[in-house]
């Protein structure tokens, strides 16, 4: 079993089980399938997560519908064994053949690190207090960028729609540096 998916190429001709039904699981499943792997997606829910990127969702749904990528919905992993991944499906237990397995069930923000750093975090949403224009948190000089800004709603911010965070932070830092008097 693997915890971090890196690339599809080692899985050419292999059976790969991916546990999860969000963005990371869908992207990995599609990449591995497109590069010659046989993929089975396992998810405890009845359908893919609704927050999957709008351009990715039809692709993974179509691959599942046509049978290119197998899917076991309403299914729970019970064990990772030498013969494969053991699952409990609505129709009973099954062993899915697996040369590799990935558990890609999502990102969770490190809220304790934020709090230890002095950043105020909403207890319900886990969204850190920050200025959306500069990405600066309530702690002057400490910035939050990327998915971290979304708290629990990790389906709202991802690499494709947060590319402006770095330039915003740099612009804000340059503005601050320009205001610092230069000694004569």
N, C-alpha and C. Protein backbone atom coordinates (compact mmCIF):
# COMPACT_ATOMS: atom_id res chain seq x y z
N UNK A 1 0.84 -1.17 0.00
CA UNK A 1 0.00 0.00 0.00
C UNK A 1 0.88 1.24 0.00
N UNK A 2 0.46 2.27 -0.72
CA UNK A 2 1.18 3.53 -0.79
C UNK A 2 0.30 4.63 -0.21
N UNK A 3 0.93 5.62 0.39
CA UNK A 3 0.16 6.74 0.93
C UNK A 3 0.25 7.97 0.05
N UNK A 4 1.25 8.01 -0.80
CA UNK A 4 1.43 9.19 -1.64
C UNK A 4 1.64 8.77 -3.09
N UNK A 5 0.77 9.24 -3.93
CA UNK A 5 0.86 8.95 -5.36
C UNK A 5 1.83 9.95 -5.98
N UNK A 6 2.76 9.44 -6.78
CA UNK A 6 3.74 10.31 -7.42
C UNK A 6 3.59 10.35 -8.93
N UNK A 7 3.57 9.17 -9.57
CA UNK A 7 3.47 9.14 -11.02
C UNK A 7 2.91 7.80 -11.48
N UNK A 8 2.36 7.77 -12.70
CA UNK A 8 1.69 6.57 -13.16
C UNK A 8 2.60 5.50 -13.77
N UNK A 9 3.75 5.89 -14.25
CA UNK A 9 4.57 5.01 -15.09
C UNK A 9 4.95 3.67 -14.47
N UNK A 10 5.26 3.59 -13.19
CA UNK A 10 5.61 2.27 -12.64
C UNK A 10 4.45 1.27 -12.66
N UNK A 11 3.23 1.75 -12.92
CA UNK A 11 2.06 0.90 -12.83
C UNK A 11 1.58 0.36 -14.18
N UNK A 12 2.39 0.53 -15.21
CA UNK A 12 2.03 -0.02 -16.52
C UNK A 12 1.82 -1.53 -16.37
N UNK A 13 0.67 -2.02 -16.84
CA UNK A 13 0.37 -3.44 -16.78
C UNK A 13 0.03 -3.98 -15.40
N UNK A 14 -0.12 -3.11 -14.42
CA UNK A 14 -0.41 -3.54 -13.05
C UNK A 14 -1.87 -3.31 -12.69
N UNK A 15 -2.32 -4.06 -11.68
CA UNK A 15 -3.62 -3.82 -11.06
C UNK A 15 -3.39 -2.84 -9.92
N UNK A 16 -4.11 -1.74 -9.94
CA UNK A 16 -3.95 -0.70 -8.92
C UNK A 16 -5.30 -0.38 -8.31
N UNK A 17 -5.37 -0.42 -6.99
CA UNK A 17 -6.58 -0.05 -6.27
C UNK A 17 -6.36 1.34 -5.68
N UNK A 18 -7.32 2.21 -5.91
CA UNK A 18 -7.27 3.56 -5.36
C UNK A 18 -8.46 3.73 -4.44
N UNK A 19 -8.19 4.04 -3.19
CA UNK A 19 -9.24 4.27 -2.20
C UNK A 19 -9.47 5.77 -2.13
N UNK A 20 -10.67 6.20 -2.43
CA UNK A 20 -11.01 7.62 -2.41
C UNK A 20 -11.90 7.96 -3.58
N UNK A 21 -12.50 9.15 -3.54
CA UNK A 21 -13.40 9.56 -4.62
C UNK A 21 -13.41 11.07 -4.80
N UNK A 22 -12.30 11.70 -4.46
CA UNK A 22 -12.18 13.14 -4.64
C UNK A 22 -11.20 13.46 -5.76
N UNK A 23 -10.70 14.68 -5.77
CA UNK A 23 -9.81 15.14 -6.83
C UNK A 23 -8.55 14.29 -6.96
N UNK A 24 -7.86 14.06 -5.88
CA UNK A 24 -6.60 13.33 -5.94
C UNK A 24 -6.81 11.91 -6.42
N UNK A 25 -7.83 11.25 -5.92
CA UNK A 25 -8.12 9.88 -6.33
C UNK A 25 -8.50 9.84 -7.81
N UNK A 26 -9.34 10.76 -8.25
CA UNK A 26 -9.76 10.78 -9.65
C UNK A 26 -8.58 11.06 -10.58
N UNK A 27 -7.75 12.02 -10.22
CA UNK A 27 -6.59 12.34 -11.06
C UNK A 27 -5.64 11.15 -11.16
N UNK A 28 -5.36 10.51 -10.04
CA UNK A 28 -4.46 9.36 -10.04
C UNK A 28 -5.05 8.21 -10.86
N UNK A 29 -6.34 7.94 -10.68
CA UNK A 29 -6.98 6.86 -11.41
C UNK A 29 -6.89 7.09 -12.92
N UNK A 30 -7.17 8.31 -13.36
CA UNK A 30 -7.11 8.62 -14.78
C UNK A 30 -5.69 8.52 -15.33
N UNK A 31 -4.73 9.05 -14.59
CA UNK A 31 -3.33 9.00 -15.04
C UNK A 31 -2.84 7.56 -15.16
N UNK A 32 -3.11 6.76 -14.14
CA UNK A 32 -2.65 5.37 -14.17
C UNK A 32 -3.32 4.62 -15.31
N UNK A 33 -4.62 4.81 -15.48
CA UNK A 33 -5.34 4.15 -16.58
C UNK A 33 -4.78 4.59 -17.93
N UNK A 34 -4.54 5.88 -18.10
CA UNK A 34 -4.02 6.39 -19.38
C UNK A 34 -2.60 5.89 -19.66
N UNK A 35 -1.92 5.44 -18.64
CA UNK A 35 -0.56 4.96 -18.81
C UNK A 35 -0.46 3.45 -18.66
N UNK A 36 -1.56 2.76 -18.93
CA UNK A 36 -1.53 1.31 -19.04
C UNK A 36 -1.79 0.50 -17.79
N UNK A 37 -2.24 1.15 -16.72
CA UNK A 37 -2.58 0.40 -15.51
C UNK A 37 -4.05 0.03 -15.52
N UNK A 38 -4.38 -1.03 -14.78
CA UNK A 38 -5.77 -1.44 -14.59
C UNK A 38 -6.20 -0.92 -13.22
N UNK A 39 -7.17 -0.03 -13.21
CA UNK A 39 -7.51 0.70 -12.00
C UNK A 39 -8.89 0.31 -11.48
N UNK A 40 -8.95 0.14 -10.16
CA UNK A 40 -10.23 -0.01 -9.46
C UNK A 40 -10.30 1.07 -8.40
N UNK A 41 -11.34 1.87 -8.45
CA UNK A 41 -11.58 2.93 -7.48
C UNK A 41 -12.53 2.39 -6.42
N UNK A 42 -12.19 2.57 -5.15
CA UNK A 42 -13.02 2.09 -4.04
C UNK A 42 -13.44 3.30 -3.22
N UNK A 43 -14.75 3.40 -2.97
CA UNK A 43 -15.26 4.53 -2.18
C UNK A 43 -16.40 4.06 -1.29
N UNK A 44 -16.39 4.55 -0.06
CA UNK A 44 -17.43 4.15 0.90
C UNK A 44 -18.78 4.79 0.60
N UNK A 45 -18.79 5.87 -0.17
CA UNK A 45 -20.04 6.54 -0.52
C UNK A 45 -20.69 5.96 -1.76
N UNK A 46 -21.87 6.48 -2.06
CA UNK A 46 -22.64 5.98 -3.20
C UNK A 46 -22.18 6.55 -4.53
N UNK A 47 -21.48 7.67 -4.49
CA UNK A 47 -21.02 8.30 -5.73
C UNK A 47 -19.75 9.09 -5.48
N UNK A 48 -19.15 9.57 -6.55
CA UNK A 48 -17.96 10.39 -6.43
C UNK A 48 -18.27 11.64 -5.64
N UNK A 49 -17.25 12.23 -5.04
CA UNK A 49 -17.47 13.45 -4.26
C UNK A 49 -17.97 14.57 -5.17
N UNK A 50 -18.95 15.33 -4.73
CA UNK A 50 -19.53 16.37 -5.58
C UNK A 50 -18.55 17.51 -5.88
N UNK A 51 -17.53 17.70 -5.05
CA UNK A 51 -16.60 18.81 -5.24
C UNK A 51 -15.46 18.53 -6.19
N UNK A 52 -15.51 17.43 -6.93
CA UNK A 52 -14.43 17.16 -7.89
C UNK A 52 -14.40 18.29 -8.92
N UNK A 53 -13.20 18.67 -9.33
CA UNK A 53 -13.03 19.75 -10.30
C UNK A 53 -13.96 19.54 -11.49
N UNK A 54 -14.59 20.62 -11.93
CA UNK A 54 -15.63 20.52 -12.95
C UNK A 54 -15.12 19.93 -14.27
N UNK A 55 -13.86 20.07 -14.58
CA UNK A 55 -13.32 19.52 -15.83
C UNK A 55 -12.87 18.07 -15.66
N UNK A 56 -12.69 17.64 -14.43
CA UNK A 56 -12.24 16.28 -14.14
C UNK A 56 -13.41 15.31 -13.95
N UNK A 57 -14.47 15.81 -13.37
CA UNK A 57 -15.61 14.96 -13.02
C UNK A 57 -16.19 14.20 -14.22
N UNK A 58 -16.48 14.86 -15.37
CA UNK A 58 -17.05 14.08 -16.48
C UNK A 58 -16.07 13.04 -17.02
N UNK A 59 -14.79 13.33 -16.98
CA UNK A 59 -13.79 12.39 -17.47
C UNK A 59 -13.79 11.12 -16.64
N UNK A 60 -13.72 11.24 -15.32
CA UNK A 60 -13.69 10.05 -14.46
C UNK A 60 -15.04 9.33 -14.52
N UNK A 61 -16.14 10.07 -14.55
CA UNK A 61 -17.46 9.43 -14.63
C UNK A 61 -17.60 8.64 -15.93
N UNK A 62 -17.12 9.20 -17.02
CA UNK A 62 -17.21 8.50 -18.31
C UNK A 62 -16.33 7.26 -18.34
N UNK A 63 -15.14 7.31 -17.75
CA UNK A 63 -14.27 6.14 -17.71
C UNK A 63 -14.89 5.02 -16.87
N UNK A 64 -15.56 5.41 -15.80
CA UNK A 64 -16.25 4.41 -14.96
C UNK A 64 -17.44 3.84 -15.72
N UNK A 65 -18.23 4.71 -16.34
CA UNK A 65 -19.43 4.26 -17.07
C UNK A 65 -19.08 3.31 -18.20
N UNK A 66 -17.98 3.55 -18.90
CA UNK A 66 -17.61 2.68 -20.02
C UNK A 66 -16.85 1.44 -19.56
N UNK A 67 -16.50 1.38 -18.27
CA UNK A 67 -15.81 0.20 -17.74
C UNK A 67 -14.30 0.25 -17.85
N UNK A 68 -13.74 1.36 -18.32
CA UNK A 68 -12.28 1.48 -18.40
C UNK A 68 -11.65 1.52 -17.02
N UNK A 69 -12.33 2.16 -16.10
CA UNK A 69 -11.91 2.19 -14.70
C UNK A 69 -13.04 1.54 -13.90
N UNK A 70 -12.69 0.50 -13.16
CA UNK A 70 -13.69 -0.17 -12.32
C UNK A 70 -13.96 0.67 -11.08
N UNK A 71 -15.16 0.61 -10.58
CA UNK A 71 -15.50 1.36 -9.37
C UNK A 71 -16.31 0.48 -8.45
N UNK A 72 -15.97 0.52 -7.18
CA UNK A 72 -16.73 -0.18 -6.14
C UNK A 72 -17.23 0.89 -5.18
N UNK A 73 -18.49 1.30 -5.36
CA UNK A 73 -19.10 2.30 -4.49
C UNK A 73 -19.77 1.59 -3.32
N UNK A 74 -20.05 2.35 -2.28
CA UNK A 74 -20.62 1.80 -1.05
C UNK A 74 -19.78 0.62 -0.57
N UNK A 75 -18.47 0.77 -0.69
CA UNK A 75 -17.54 -0.31 -0.38
C UNK A 75 -16.49 0.18 0.60
N UNK A 76 -16.15 -0.68 1.55
CA UNK A 76 -15.19 -0.34 2.60
C UNK A 76 -14.02 -1.31 2.53
N UNK A 77 -12.81 -0.77 2.64
CA UNK A 77 -11.61 -1.62 2.70
C UNK A 77 -11.55 -2.23 4.09
N UNK A 78 -11.35 -3.54 4.13
CA UNK A 78 -11.23 -4.23 5.42
C UNK A 78 -9.80 -4.65 5.71
N UNK A 79 -8.98 -4.83 4.64
CA UNK A 79 -7.58 -5.23 4.85
C UNK A 79 -6.80 -5.08 3.55
N UNK A 80 -5.51 -4.84 3.72
CA UNK A 80 -4.56 -4.89 2.60
C UNK A 80 -3.77 -6.17 2.81
N UNK A 81 -3.97 -7.12 1.92
CA UNK A 81 -3.34 -8.43 2.09
C UNK A 81 -2.40 -8.78 0.96
N UNK A 82 -1.73 -9.91 1.09
CA UNK A 82 -0.77 -10.33 0.07
C UNK A 82 -1.43 -10.69 -1.27
N UNK A 83 -2.70 -11.04 -1.22
CA UNK A 83 -3.42 -11.41 -2.46
C UNK A 83 -4.15 -10.23 -3.09
N UNK A 84 -4.24 -9.13 -2.37
CA UNK A 84 -4.93 -7.96 -2.88
C UNK A 84 -5.56 -7.15 -1.77
N UNK A 85 -6.50 -6.30 -2.15
CA UNK A 85 -7.19 -5.45 -1.19
C UNK A 85 -8.53 -6.10 -0.87
N UNK A 86 -8.73 -6.38 0.39
CA UNK A 86 -9.98 -7.00 0.83
C UNK A 86 -11.00 -5.90 1.11
N UNK A 87 -12.18 -6.05 0.52
CA UNK A 87 -13.23 -5.05 0.68
C UNK A 87 -14.54 -5.71 1.06
N UNK A 88 -15.41 -4.88 1.66
CA UNK A 88 -16.78 -5.31 1.96
C UNK A 88 -17.70 -4.47 1.07
N UNK A 89 -18.36 -5.13 0.13
CA UNK A 89 -19.25 -4.46 -0.82
C UNK A 89 -20.69 -4.68 -0.38
N UNK A 90 -21.64 -4.01 -1.00
CA UNK A 90 -23.05 -4.25 -0.66
C UNK A 90 -23.48 -5.70 -0.91
N UNK A 91 -22.76 -6.42 -1.77
CA UNK A 91 -23.12 -7.81 -2.05
C UNK A 91 -22.24 -8.81 -1.30
N UNK A 92 -21.33 -8.31 -0.47
CA UNK A 92 -20.49 -9.21 0.32
C UNK A 92 -19.01 -8.92 0.15
N UNK A 93 -18.18 -9.76 0.77
CA UNK A 93 -16.73 -9.53 0.71
C UNK A 93 -16.16 -9.85 -0.67
N UNK A 94 -15.06 -9.19 -0.99
CA UNK A 94 -14.38 -9.39 -2.26
C UNK A 94 -12.90 -9.09 -2.06
N UNK A 95 -12.07 -9.75 -2.83
CA UNK A 95 -10.63 -9.43 -2.84
C UNK A 95 -10.32 -8.86 -4.21
N UNK A 96 -9.86 -7.61 -4.22
CA UNK A 96 -9.51 -6.95 -5.47
C UNK A 96 -8.03 -7.19 -5.74
N UNK A 97 -7.67 -7.70 -6.90
CA UNK A 97 -6.26 -7.89 -7.20
C UNK A 97 -5.53 -6.55 -7.17
N UNK A 98 -4.34 -6.53 -6.57
CA UNK A 98 -3.62 -5.26 -6.45
C UNK A 98 -2.11 -5.48 -6.40
N UNK A 99 -1.45 -4.97 -7.41
CA UNK A 99 0.01 -4.89 -7.36
C UNK A 99 0.42 -3.66 -6.56
N UNK A 100 -0.48 -2.68 -6.50
CA UNK A 100 -0.26 -1.46 -5.73
C UNK A 100 -1.61 -0.93 -5.28
N UNK A 101 -1.60 -0.23 -4.17
CA UNK A 101 -2.83 0.40 -3.66
C UNK A 101 -2.48 1.75 -3.08
N UNK A 102 -3.34 2.71 -3.32
CA UNK A 102 -3.16 4.07 -2.80
C UNK A 102 -4.39 4.47 -2.00
N UNK A 103 -4.16 5.04 -0.84
CA UNK A 103 -5.25 5.60 -0.04
C UNK A 103 -5.18 7.11 -0.25
N UNK A 104 -6.09 7.62 -1.07
CA UNK A 104 -6.10 9.04 -1.44
C UNK A 104 -7.43 9.65 -1.02
N UNK A 105 -7.57 9.81 0.28
CA UNK A 105 -8.86 10.22 0.83
C UNK A 105 -8.92 11.69 1.22
N UNK A 106 -7.94 12.46 0.82
CA UNK A 106 -8.07 13.89 1.01
C UNK A 106 -7.04 14.51 1.93
N UNK A 107 -7.00 15.80 1.82
CA UNK A 107 -6.07 16.65 2.55
C UNK A 107 -6.78 17.22 3.77
N UNK A 108 -6.08 17.26 4.86
CA UNK A 108 -6.61 17.91 6.05
C UNK A 108 -5.61 18.98 6.48
N UNK A 109 -6.08 20.21 6.68
CA UNK A 109 -5.15 21.27 7.07
C UNK A 109 -4.57 21.02 8.46
N UNK A 110 -3.35 21.48 8.66
CA UNK A 110 -2.68 21.35 9.96
C UNK A 110 -3.09 22.53 10.83
N UNK A 111 -4.29 22.44 11.37
CA UNK A 111 -4.88 23.53 12.14
C UNK A 111 -4.06 23.83 13.39
N UNK A 112 -3.52 22.80 14.02
CA UNK A 112 -2.73 23.04 15.24
C UNK A 112 -1.49 23.87 14.96
N UNK A 113 -0.84 23.63 13.83
CA UNK A 113 0.32 24.45 13.45
C UNK A 113 -0.10 25.90 13.27
N UNK A 114 -1.23 26.10 12.61
CA UNK A 114 -1.73 27.46 12.42
C UNK A 114 -1.97 28.12 13.78
N UNK A 115 -2.66 27.42 14.65
CA UNK A 115 -2.99 27.99 15.96
C UNK A 115 -1.74 28.26 16.78
N UNK A 116 -0.78 27.33 16.76
CA UNK A 116 0.48 27.55 17.49
C UNK A 116 1.24 28.75 16.94
N UNK A 117 1.00 29.06 15.67
CA UNK A 117 1.66 30.21 15.05
C UNK A 117 0.91 31.51 15.34
N UNK A 118 -0.22 31.41 16.02
CA UNK A 118 -0.99 32.58 16.38
C UNK A 118 -2.11 32.93 15.42
N UNK A 119 -2.29 32.12 14.38
CA UNK A 119 -3.35 32.40 13.41
C UNK A 119 -4.70 32.00 14.01
N UNK A 120 -5.67 32.89 13.91
CA UNK A 120 -7.01 32.58 14.37
C UNK A 120 -7.68 31.69 13.33
N UNK A 121 -8.27 30.58 13.79
CA UNK A 121 -8.91 29.63 12.89
C UNK A 121 -10.36 29.45 13.32
N UNK A 122 -11.27 29.60 12.38
CA UNK A 122 -12.69 29.42 12.69
C UNK A 122 -12.91 27.97 13.12
N UNK A 123 -13.49 27.75 14.31
CA UNK A 123 -13.64 26.38 14.80
C UNK A 123 -14.57 25.50 13.97
N UNK A 124 -15.54 26.10 13.26
CA UNK A 124 -16.47 25.32 12.44
C UNK A 124 -15.90 25.01 11.06
N UNK A 125 -15.42 26.05 10.37
CA UNK A 125 -14.98 25.89 8.98
C UNK A 125 -13.49 25.56 8.85
N UNK A 126 -12.72 25.83 9.90
CA UNK A 126 -11.26 25.69 9.92
C UNK A 126 -10.57 26.66 8.96
N UNK A 127 -11.28 27.71 8.55
CA UNK A 127 -10.68 28.72 7.68
C UNK A 127 -9.85 29.66 8.54
N UNK A 128 -8.57 29.83 8.17
CA UNK A 128 -7.73 30.74 8.93
C UNK A 128 -8.08 32.20 8.62
N UNK A 129 -7.98 33.05 9.62
CA UNK A 129 -8.26 34.47 9.39
C UNK A 129 -7.14 35.03 8.52
N UNK A 130 -7.54 35.59 7.37
CA UNK A 130 -6.56 36.15 6.45
C UNK A 130 -7.23 37.17 5.54
N UNK A 131 -6.41 38.02 4.95
CA UNK A 131 -6.88 39.01 3.99
C UNK A 131 -6.83 38.37 2.61
N UNK A 132 -7.96 38.19 1.93
CA UNK A 132 -7.95 37.54 0.62
C UNK A 132 -7.15 38.30 -0.44
N UNK A 133 -6.97 39.60 -0.25
CA UNK A 133 -6.22 40.41 -1.23
C UNK A 133 -4.71 40.24 -1.10
N UNK A 134 -4.23 39.95 0.11
CA UNK A 134 -2.78 39.84 0.34
C UNK A 134 -2.34 38.46 0.80
N UNK A 135 -3.29 37.66 1.26
CA UNK A 135 -3.06 36.33 1.85
C UNK A 135 -2.40 36.42 3.23
N UNK A 136 -2.26 37.62 3.77
CA UNK A 136 -1.66 37.76 5.10
C UNK A 136 -2.66 37.35 6.16
N UNK A 137 -2.20 36.56 7.12
CA UNK A 137 -3.07 36.13 8.22
C UNK A 137 -3.21 37.26 9.23
N UNK A 138 -3.89 36.99 10.32
CA UNK A 138 -4.01 37.97 11.38
C UNK A 138 -2.67 38.21 12.08
N UNK A 139 -1.69 37.37 11.82
CA UNK A 139 -0.34 37.56 12.36
C UNK A 139 0.46 38.32 11.30
N UNK A 140 0.84 39.57 11.56
CA UNK A 140 1.57 40.34 10.55
C UNK A 140 2.82 39.60 10.05
N UNK A 141 2.93 39.54 8.73
CA UNK A 141 4.09 38.89 8.11
C UNK A 141 3.96 37.39 7.95
N UNK A 142 2.84 36.81 8.38
CA UNK A 142 2.61 35.37 8.23
C UNK A 142 1.45 35.18 7.25
N UNK A 143 1.71 34.47 6.17
CA UNK A 143 0.76 34.34 5.08
C UNK A 143 0.24 32.91 4.97
N UNK A 144 -0.99 32.77 4.47
CA UNK A 144 -1.56 31.46 4.19
C UNK A 144 -1.93 31.44 2.71
N UNK A 145 -1.57 30.34 2.04
CA UNK A 145 -1.79 30.24 0.61
C UNK A 145 -2.29 28.85 0.25
N UNK A 146 -2.89 28.75 -0.93
CA UNK A 146 -3.34 27.46 -1.43
C UNK A 146 -4.55 26.94 -0.68
N UNK A 147 -4.67 25.64 -0.68
CA UNK A 147 -5.82 24.96 -0.09
C UNK A 147 -6.00 25.30 1.38
N UNK A 148 -4.93 25.65 2.06
CA UNK A 148 -5.01 26.00 3.48
C UNK A 148 -6.05 27.09 3.72
N UNK A 149 -6.22 28.00 2.77
CA UNK A 149 -7.20 29.09 2.93
C UNK A 149 -8.63 28.59 2.99
N UNK A 150 -8.91 27.40 2.49
CA UNK A 150 -10.27 26.90 2.40
C UNK A 150 -10.73 26.15 3.64
N UNK A 151 -9.83 25.89 4.58
CA UNK A 151 -10.23 25.14 5.77
C UNK A 151 -10.74 23.76 5.41
N UNK A 152 -11.93 23.42 5.91
CA UNK A 152 -12.53 22.11 5.62
C UNK A 152 -12.95 21.96 4.16
N UNK A 153 -13.22 23.06 3.48
CA UNK A 153 -13.73 23.04 2.10
C UNK A 153 -12.58 22.94 1.10
N UNK A 154 -11.85 21.86 1.18
CA UNK A 154 -10.69 21.68 0.31
C UNK A 154 -11.07 21.52 -1.16
N UNK A 155 -12.37 21.41 -1.44
CA UNK A 155 -12.80 21.32 -2.83
C UNK A 155 -12.95 22.70 -3.47
N UNK A 156 -12.74 23.77 -2.70
CA UNK A 156 -12.89 25.12 -3.24
C UNK A 156 -11.60 25.70 -3.80
N UNK A 157 -10.49 25.38 -3.18
CA UNK A 157 -9.21 25.95 -3.61
C UNK A 157 -8.24 24.80 -3.88
N UNK A 158 -7.66 24.83 -5.07
CA UNK A 158 -6.67 23.84 -5.44
C UNK A 158 -5.65 24.52 -6.34
N UNK A 159 -4.64 23.82 -6.76
CA UNK A 159 -3.52 24.44 -7.47
C UNK A 159 -3.95 25.26 -8.68
N UNK A 160 -4.96 24.80 -9.40
CA UNK A 160 -5.36 25.50 -10.61
C UNK A 160 -6.01 26.85 -10.36
N UNK A 161 -6.62 27.06 -9.20
CA UNK A 161 -7.26 28.35 -8.96
C UNK A 161 -6.62 29.12 -7.81
N UNK A 162 -5.41 28.75 -7.43
CA UNK A 162 -4.73 29.50 -6.37
C UNK A 162 -3.35 29.96 -6.82
N UNK A 163 -3.11 29.94 -8.10
CA UNK A 163 -1.80 30.36 -8.62
C UNK A 163 -1.51 31.83 -8.35
N UNK A 164 -2.53 32.60 -8.07
CA UNK A 164 -2.31 34.02 -7.80
C UNK A 164 -1.89 34.30 -6.36
N UNK A 165 -1.92 33.31 -5.49
CA UNK A 165 -1.56 33.54 -4.09
C UNK A 165 -0.11 33.98 -3.94
N UNK A 166 0.81 33.30 -4.63
CA UNK A 166 2.23 33.68 -4.54
C UNK A 166 2.47 35.12 -4.99
N UNK A 167 1.99 35.50 -6.18
CA UNK A 167 2.16 36.90 -6.61
C UNK A 167 1.52 37.92 -5.66
N UNK A 168 0.37 37.57 -5.08
CA UNK A 168 -0.26 38.48 -4.10
C UNK A 168 0.65 38.68 -2.90
N UNK A 169 1.23 37.59 -2.41
CA UNK A 169 2.12 37.67 -1.24
C UNK A 169 3.36 38.49 -1.58
N UNK A 170 3.96 38.21 -2.72
CA UNK A 170 5.16 38.95 -3.14
C UNK A 170 4.86 40.43 -3.29
N UNK A 171 3.74 40.77 -3.93
CA UNK A 171 3.37 42.17 -4.11
C UNK A 171 3.19 42.86 -2.76
N UNK A 172 2.57 42.16 -1.81
CA UNK A 172 2.36 42.74 -0.49
C UNK A 172 3.69 42.95 0.23
N UNK A 173 4.59 41.99 0.12
CA UNK A 173 5.91 42.13 0.75
C UNK A 173 6.71 43.27 0.11
N UNK A 174 6.64 43.40 -1.22
CA UNK A 174 7.34 44.48 -1.91
C UNK A 174 6.80 45.84 -1.46
N UNK A 175 5.49 45.91 -1.32
CA UNK A 175 4.85 47.15 -0.85
C UNK A 175 5.35 47.52 0.54
N UNK A 176 5.43 46.51 1.39
CA UNK A 176 5.93 46.74 2.76
C UNK A 176 7.39 47.18 2.76
N UNK A 177 8.20 46.50 1.93
CA UNK A 177 9.62 46.86 1.86
C UNK A 177 9.83 48.25 1.32
N UNK A 178 9.00 48.67 0.37
CA UNK A 178 9.12 50.01 -0.21
C UNK A 178 8.82 51.06 0.84
N UNK A 179 8.04 50.75 1.83
CA UNK A 179 7.68 51.71 2.88
C UNK A 179 8.75 51.82 3.97
N UNK A 180 9.73 50.92 3.98
CA UNK A 180 10.79 50.94 5.00
C UNK A 180 11.83 51.98 4.63
N UNK A 181 12.08 52.92 5.53
CA UNK A 181 13.08 53.95 5.22
C UNK A 181 14.48 53.35 5.09
N UNK A 182 15.21 53.84 4.12
CA UNK A 182 16.58 53.37 3.90
C UNK A 182 17.52 54.29 4.66
N UNK A 183 18.39 53.70 5.51
CA UNK A 183 19.31 54.57 6.27
C UNK A 183 20.28 55.30 5.32
N UNK A 184 20.59 56.53 5.68
CA UNK A 184 21.47 57.34 4.84
C UNK A 184 22.93 57.02 5.05
